[in-house]
Amino acid sequence: MDIPTKIRLAETYAKISEAELARRVGTSPQAFGQRMKTGRFSSADLDQIAGCLGAEVVVKFRFPDGTEI
């Protein structure tokens, strides 16, 4: 699942529109929509978005033997 899809699902779960999320992260809905189209978000962007949604970002590497880093 790509990052924009995860953000959309999180918006739905948090009951926040994309326009509202854009305002909370300090950008226009149009600019945020463009970022969603490209899917280009830094880890700092994702942390900020998660904070605005009342969530946290968790990134893991999972190996075939079940090891997670």
PDB file of N, CA and C in Angstrom:
ATOM      1  N   MET A   1       0.860  -1.171   0.000  1.00  0.00           N
ATOM      2  CA  MET A   1       0.000   0.000   0.000  1.00  0.00           C
ATOM      3  C   MET A   1       0.910   1.239   0.000  1.00  0.00           C
ATOM      4  N   ASP A   2       0.612   2.185  -0.872  1.00  0.00           N
ATOM      5  CA  ASP A   2       1.446   3.383  -0.956  1.00  0.00           C
ATOM      6  C   ASP A   2       1.094   4.394   0.142  1.00  0.00           C
ATOM      7  N   ILE A   3       1.973   5.359   0.325  1.00  0.00           N
ATOM      8  CA  ILE A   3       1.818   6.345   1.409  1.00  0.00           C
ATOM      9  C   ILE A   3       0.536   7.177   1.257  1.00  0.00           C
ATOM     10  N   PRO A   4       0.229   7.708   0.063  1.00  0.00           N
ATOM     11  CA  PRO A   4      -1.023   8.481  -0.040  1.00  0.00           C
ATOM     12  C   PRO A   4      -2.265   7.670   0.346  1.00  0.00           C
ATOM     13  N   THR A   5      -2.288   6.399   0.000  1.00  0.00           N
ATOM     14  CA  THR A   5      -3.427   5.550   0.377  1.00  0.00           C
ATOM     15  C   THR A   5      -3.503   5.407   1.893  1.00  0.00           C
ATOM     16  N   LYS A   6      -2.349   5.222   2.527  1.00  0.00           N
ATOM     17  CA  LYS A   6      -2.331   5.114   3.988  1.00  0.00           C
ATOM     18  C   LYS A   6      -2.792   6.418   4.631  1.00  0.00           C
ATOM     19  N   ILE A   7      -2.376   7.544   4.067  1.00  0.00           N
ATOM     20  CA  ILE A   7      -2.802   8.839   4.611  1.00  0.00           C
ATOM     21  C   ILE A   7      -4.312   8.992   4.471  1.00  0.00           C
ATOM     22  N   ARG A   8      -4.862   8.613   3.329  1.00  0.00           N
ATOM     23  CA  ARG A   8      -6.318   8.715   3.126  1.00  0.00           C
ATOM     24  C   ARG A   8      -7.080   7.835   4.122  1.00  0.00           C
ATOM     25  N   LEU A   9      -6.583   6.623   4.326  1.00  0.00           N
ATOM     26  CA  LEU A   9      -7.225   5.733   5.304  1.00  0.00           C
ATOM     27  C   LEU A   9      -7.146   6.327   6.708  1.00  0.00           C
ATOM     28  N   ALA A  10      -5.994   6.913   7.041  1.00  0.00           N
ATOM     29  CA  ALA A  10      -5.837   7.532   8.358  1.00  0.00           C
ATOM     30  C   ALA A  10      -6.754   8.734   8.513  1.00  0.00           C
ATOM     31  N   GLU A  11      -6.923   9.515   7.447  1.00  0.00           N
ATOM     32  CA  GLU A  11      -7.857  10.649   7.491  1.00  0.00           C
ATOM     33  C   GLU A  11      -9.271  10.154   7.786  1.00  0.00           C
ATOM     34  N   THR A  12      -9.656   9.102   7.114  1.00  0.00           N
ATOM     35  CA  THR A  12     -10.989   8.535   7.324  1.00  0.00           C
ATOM     36  C   THR A  12     -11.141   8.051   8.759  1.00  0.00           C
ATOM     37  N   TYR A  13     -10.153   7.322   9.251  1.00  0.00           N
ATOM     38  CA  TYR A  13     -10.206   6.801  10.614  1.00  0.00           C
ATOM     39  C   TYR A  13     -10.298   7.935  11.637  1.00  0.00           C
ATOM     40  N   ALA A  14      -9.510   9.013  11.394  1.00  0.00           N
ATOM     41  CA  ALA A  14      -9.480  10.149  12.316  1.00  0.00           C
ATOM     42  C   ALA A  14     -10.649  11.118  12.082  1.00  0.00           C
ATOM     43  N   LYS A  15     -11.464  10.835  11.064  1.00  0.00           N
ATOM     44  CA  LYS A  15     -12.614  11.682  10.721  1.00  0.00           C
ATOM     45  C   LYS A  15     -12.173  13.122  10.410  1.00  0.00           C
ATOM     46  N   ILE A  16     -11.103  13.221   9.600  1.00  0.00           N
ATOM     47  CA  ILE A  16     -10.559  14.512   9.186  1.00  0.00           C
ATOM     48  C   ILE A  16     -10.506  14.524   7.663  1.00  0.00           C
ATOM     49  N   SER A  17     -10.986  15.589   7.055  1.00  0.00           N
ATOM     50  CA  SER A  17     -10.930  15.701   5.596  1.00  0.00           C
ATOM     51  C   SER A  17      -9.495  16.017   5.164  1.00  0.00           C
ATOM     52  N   GLU A  18      -9.218  15.771   3.898  1.00  0.00           N
ATOM     53  CA  GLU A  18      -7.893  16.100   3.374  1.00  0.00           C
ATOM     54  C   GLU A  18      -7.635  17.607   3.469  1.00  0.00           C
ATOM     55  N   ALA A  19      -8.662  18.403   3.216  1.00  0.00           N
ATOM     56  CA  ALA A  19      -8.511  19.857   3.312  1.00  0.00           C
ATOM     57  C   ALA A  19      -8.168  20.279   4.743  1.00  0.00           C
ATOM     58  N   GLU A  20      -8.827  19.669   5.713  1.00  0.00           N
ATOM     59  CA  GLU A  20      -8.542  19.987   7.117  1.00  0.00           C
ATOM     60  C   GLU A  20      -7.127  19.550   7.493  1.00  0.00           C
ATOM     61  N   LEU A  21      -6.732  18.377   7.043  1.00  0.00           N
ATOM     62  CA  LEU A  21      -5.370  17.916   7.319  1.00  0.00           C
ATOM     63  C   LEU A  21      -4.353  18.871   6.702  1.00  0.00           C
ATOM     64  N   ALA A  22      -4.612  19.321   5.491  1.00  0.00           N
ATOM     65  CA  ALA A  22      -3.717  20.284   4.842  1.00  0.00           C
ATOM     66  C   ALA A  22      -3.572  21.541   5.689  1.00  0.00           C
ATOM     67  N   ARG A  23      -4.685  22.055   6.177  1.00  0.00           N
ATOM     68  CA  ARG A  23      -4.630  23.261   7.027  1.00  0.00           C
ATOM     69  C   ARG A  23      -3.835  22.988   8.301  1.00  0.00           C
ATOM     70  N   ARG A  24      -4.037  21.816   8.893  1.00  0.00           N
ATOM     71  CA  ARG A  24      -3.326  21.486  10.133  1.00  0.00           C
ATOM     72  C   ARG A  24      -1.816  21.363   9.937  1.00  0.00           C
ATOM     73  N   VAL A  25      -1.394  20.920   8.758  1.00  0.00           N
ATOM     74  CA  VAL A  25       0.051  20.823   8.505  1.00  0.00           C
ATOM     75  C   VAL A  25       0.618  22.128   7.959  1.00  0.00           C
ATOM     76  N   GLY A  26      -0.263  23.122   7.757  1.00  0.00           N
ATOM     77  CA  GLY A  26       0.204  24.453   7.379  1.00  0.00           C
ATOM     78  C   GLY A  26       0.375  24.676   5.892  1.00  0.00           C
ATOM     79  N   THR A  27      -0.437  24.016   5.087  1.00  0.00           N
ATOM     80  CA  THR A  27      -0.363  24.215   3.644  1.00  0.00           C
ATOM     81  C   THR A  27      -1.773  24.321   3.083  1.00  0.00           C
ATOM     82  N   SER A  28      -1.865  24.672   1.818  1.00  0.00           N
ATOM     83  CA  SER A  28      -3.182  24.786   1.194  1.00  0.00           C
ATOM     84  C   SER A  28      -3.669  23.399   0.775  1.00  0.00           C
ATOM     85  N   PRO A  29      -4.985  23.241   0.697  1.00  0.00           N
ATOM     86  CA  PRO A  29      -5.515  21.966   0.214  1.00  0.00           C
ATOM     87  C   PRO A  29      -4.999  21.614  -1.188  1.00  0.00           C
ATOM     88  N   GLN A  30      -4.813  22.615  -2.037  1.00  0.00           N
ATOM     89  CA  GLN A  30      -4.324  22.371  -3.391  1.00  0.00           C
ATOM     90  C   GLN A  30      -2.886  21.842  -3.361  1.00  0.00           C
ATOM     91  N   ALA A  31      -2.044  22.481  -2.560  1.00  0.00           N
ATOM     92  CA  ALA A  31      -0.639  22.043  -2.468  1.00  0.00           C
ATOM     93  C   ALA A  31      -0.549  20.646  -1.864  1.00  0.00           C
ATOM     94  N   PHE A  32      -1.360  20.385  -0.839  1.00  0.00           N
ATOM     95  CA  PHE A  32      -1.345  19.067  -0.213  1.00  0.00           C
ATOM     96  C   PHE A  32      -1.846  18.009  -1.188  1.00  0.00           C
ATOM     97  N   GLY A  33      -2.873  18.345  -1.950  1.00  0.00           N
ATOM     98  CA  GLY A  33      -3.398  17.432  -2.960  1.00  0.00           C
ATOM     99  C   GLY A  33      -2.344  17.071  -3.989  1.00  0.00           C
ATOM    100  N   GLN A  34      -1.526  18.041  -4.363  1.00  0.00           N
ATOM    101  CA  GLN A  34      -0.444  17.787  -5.313  1.00  0.00           C
ATOM    102  C   GLN A  34       0.583  16.837  -4.712  1.00  0.00           C
ATOM    103  N   ARG A  35       0.915  17.046  -3.446  1.00  0.00           N
ATOM    104  CA  ARG A  35       1.849  16.139  -2.753  1.00  0.00           C
ATOM    105  C   ARG A  35       1.281  14.729  -2.692  1.00  0.00           C
ATOM    106  N   MET A  36      -0.033  14.622  -2.478  1.00  0.00           N
ATOM    107  CA  MET A  36      -0.672  13.311  -2.436  1.00  0.00           C
ATOM    108  C   MET A  36      -0.573  12.622  -3.802  1.00  0.00           C
ATOM    109  N   LYS A  37      -0.661  13.397  -4.871  1.00  0.00           N
ATOM    110  CA  LYS A  37      -0.545  12.823  -6.220  1.00  0.00           C
ATOM    111  C   LYS A  37       0.849  12.263  -6.467  1.00  0.00           C
ATOM    112  N   THR A  38       1.868  12.988  -6.013  1.00  0.00           N
ATOM    113  CA  THR A  38       3.245  12.532  -6.246  1.00  0.00           C
ATOM    114  C   THR A  38       3.659  11.473  -5.233  1.00  0.00           C
ATOM    115  N   GLY A  39       3.068  11.543  -4.030  1.00  0.00           N
ATOM    116  CA  GLY A  39       3.422  10.584  -2.980  1.00  0.00           C
ATOM    117  C   GLY A  39       4.778  10.831  -2.366  1.00  0.00           C
ATOM    118  N   ARG A  40       5.321  12.021  -2.577  1.00  0.00           N
ATOM    119  CA  ARG A  40       6.653  12.330  -2.076  1.00  0.00           C
ATOM    120  C   ARG A  40       6.558  13.052  -0.730  1.00  0.00           C
ATOM    121  N   PHE A  41       6.847  12.295   0.325  1.00  0.00           N
ATOM    122  CA  PHE A  41       6.813  12.828   1.682  1.00  0.00           C
ATOM    123  C   PHE A  41       8.090  12.406   2.390  1.00  0.00           C
ATOM    124  N   SER A  42       8.707  13.348   3.078  1.00  0.00           N
ATOM    125  CA  SER A  42       9.881  13.018   3.883  1.00  0.00           C
ATOM    126  C   SER A  42       9.418  12.378   5.192  1.00  0.00           C
ATOM    127  N   SER A  43      10.352  11.807   5.912  1.00  0.00           N
ATOM    128  CA  SER A  43       9.981  11.233   7.212  1.00  0.00           C
ATOM    129  C   SER A  43       9.482  12.323   8.154  1.00  0.00           C
ATOM    130  N   ALA A  44      10.049  13.526   8.052  1.00  0.00           N
ATOM    131  CA  ALA A  44       9.576  14.648   8.873  1.00  0.00           C
ATOM    132  C   ALA A  44       8.143  15.020   8.498  1.00  0.00           C
ATOM    133  N   ASP A  45       7.832  15.000   7.190  1.00  0.00           N
ATOM    134  CA  ASP A  45       6.456  15.275   6.743  1.00  0.00           C
ATOM    135  C   ASP A  45       5.489  14.259   7.345  1.00  0.00           C
ATOM    136  N   LEU A  46       5.875  12.979   7.290  1.00  0.00           N
ATOM    137  CA  LEU A  46       5.002  11.931   7.807  1.00  0.00           C
ATOM    138  C   LEU A  46       4.812  12.054   9.311  1.00  0.00           C
ATOM    139  N   ASP A  47       5.868  12.431  10.025  1.00  0.00           N
ATOM    140  CA  ASP A  47       5.740  12.656  11.469  1.00  0.00           C
ATOM    141  C   ASP A  47       4.757  13.785  11.750  1.00  0.00           C
ATOM    142  N   GLN A  48       4.844  14.863  10.972  1.00  0.00           N
ATOM    143  CA  GLN A  48       3.943  16.000  11.163  1.00  0.00           C
ATOM    144  C   GLN A  48       2.500  15.607  10.842  1.00  0.00           C
ATOM    145  N   ILE A  49       2.307  14.903   9.749  1.00  0.00           N
ATOM    146  CA  ILE A  49       0.971  14.452   9.364  1.00  0.00           C
ATOM    147  C   ILE A  49       0.394  13.550  10.449  1.00  0.00           C
ATOM    148  N   ALA A  50       1.199  12.600  10.914  1.00  0.00           N
ATOM    149  CA  ALA A  50       0.735  11.685  11.967  1.00  0.00           C
ATOM    150  C   ALA A  50       0.332  12.462  13.214  1.00  0.00           C
ATOM    151  N   GLY A  51       1.139  13.431  13.606  1.00  0.00           N
ATOM    152  CA  GLY A  51       0.818  14.241  14.774  1.00  0.00           C
ATOM    153  C   GLY A  51      -0.505  14.965  14.613  1.00  0.00           C
ATOM    154  N   CYS A  52      -0.759  15.480  13.422  1.00  0.00           N
ATOM    155  CA  CYS A  52      -2.019  16.172  13.154  1.00  0.00           C
ATOM    156  C   CYS A  52      -3.212  15.222  13.175  1.00  0.00           C
ATOM    157  N   LEU A  53      -2.948  13.945  12.917  1.00  0.00           N
ATOM    158  CA  LEU A  53      -4.011  12.944  12.931  1.00  0.00           C
ATOM    159  C   LEU A  53      -4.163  12.279  14.293  1.00  0.00           C
ATOM    160  N   GLY A  54      -3.261  12.608  15.232  1.00  0.00           N
ATOM    161  CA  GLY A  54      -3.298  11.967  16.541  1.00  0.00           C
ATOM    162  C   GLY A  54      -2.757  10.547  16.498  1.00  0.00           C
ATOM    163  N   ALA A  55      -1.801  10.327  15.612  1.00  0.00           N
ATOM    164  CA  ALA A  55      -1.235   8.993  15.415  1.00  0.00           C
ATOM    165  C   ALA A  55       0.289   9.074  15.483  1.00  0.00           C
ATOM    166  N   GLU A  56       0.940   7.960  15.212  1.00  0.00           N
ATOM    167  CA  GLU A  56       2.390   7.932  15.102  1.00  0.00           C
ATOM    168  C   GLU A  56       2.754   7.118  13.877  1.00  0.00           C
ATOM    169  N   VAL A  57       3.920   7.401  13.309  1.00  0.00           N
ATOM    170  CA  VAL A  57       4.423   6.663  12.158  1.00  0.00           C
ATOM    171  C   VAL A  57       5.348   5.576  12.683  1.00  0.00           C
ATOM    172  N   VAL A  58       5.163   4.358  12.184  1.00  0.00           N
ATOM    173  CA  VAL A  58       6.010   3.232  12.570  1.00  0.00           C
ATOM    174  C   VAL A  58       6.550   2.605  11.289  1.00  0.00           C
ATOM    175  N   VAL A  59       7.874   2.562  11.162  1.00  0.00           N
ATOM    176  CA  VAL A  59       8.504   1.962   9.985  1.00  0.00           C
ATOM    177  C   VAL A  59       9.367   0.803  10.460  1.00  0.00           C
ATOM    178  N   LYS A  60       9.218  -0.345   9.800  1.00  0.00           N
ATOM    179  CA  LYS A  60       9.967  -1.531  10.190  1.00  0.00           C
ATOM    180  C   LYS A  60      10.522  -2.225   8.954  1.00  0.00           C
ATOM    181  N   PHE A  61      11.650  -2.884   9.148  1.00  0.00           N
ATOM    182  CA  PHE A  61      12.142  -3.853   8.178  1.00  0.00           C
ATOM    183  C   PHE A  61      11.854  -5.209   8.778  1.00  0.00           C
ATOM    184  N   ARG A  62      11.140  -6.048   8.045  1.00  0.00           N
ATOM    185  CA  ARG A  62      10.803  -7.379   8.542  1.00  0.00           C
ATOM    186  C   ARG A  62      11.472  -8.410   7.648  1.00  0.00           C
ATOM    187  N   PHE A  63      12.261  -9.285   8.257  1.00  0.00           N
ATOM    188  CA  PHE A  63      12.994 -10.310   7.528  1.00  0.00           C
ATOM    189  C   PHE A  63      12.205 -11.611   7.494  1.00  0.00           C
ATOM    190  N   PRO A  64      12.531 -12.510   6.528  1.00  0.00           N
ATOM    191  CA  PRO A  64      11.796 -13.769   6.406  1.00  0.00           C
ATOM    192  C   PRO A  64      11.731 -14.596   7.682  1.00  0.00           C
ATOM    193  N   ASP A  65      12.747 -14.465   8.536  1.00  0.00           N
ATOM    194  CA  ASP A  65      12.735 -15.248   9.772  1.00  0.00           C
ATOM    195  C   ASP A  65      11.907 -14.604  10.879  1.00  0.00           C
ATOM    196  N   GLY A  66      11.242 -13.478  10.561  1.00  0.00           N
ATOM    197  CA  GLY A  66      10.407 -12.799  11.538  1.00  0.00           C
ATOM    198  C   GLY A  66      11.086 -11.676  12.291  1.00  0.00           C
ATOM    199  N   THR A  67      12.389 -11.518  12.089  1.00  0.00           N
ATOM    200  CA  THR A  67      13.125 -10.442  12.735  1.00  0.00           C
ATOM    201  C   THR A  67      12.656  -9.098  12.218  1.00  0.00           C
ATOM    202  N   GLU A  68      12.399  -8.161  13.120  1.00  0.00           N
ATOM    203  CA  GLU A  68      12.011  -6.805  12.753  1.00  0.00           C
ATOM    204  C   GLU A  68      13.030  -5.820  13.264  1.00  0.00           C
ATOM    205  N   ILE A  69      13.373  -4.893  12.394  1.00  0.00           N
ATOM    206  CA  ILE A  69      14.331  -3.836  12.774  1.00  0.00           C
ATOM    207  C   ILE A  69      13.690  -2.502  12.447  1.00  0.00           C
TER     208      ILE A  69
END
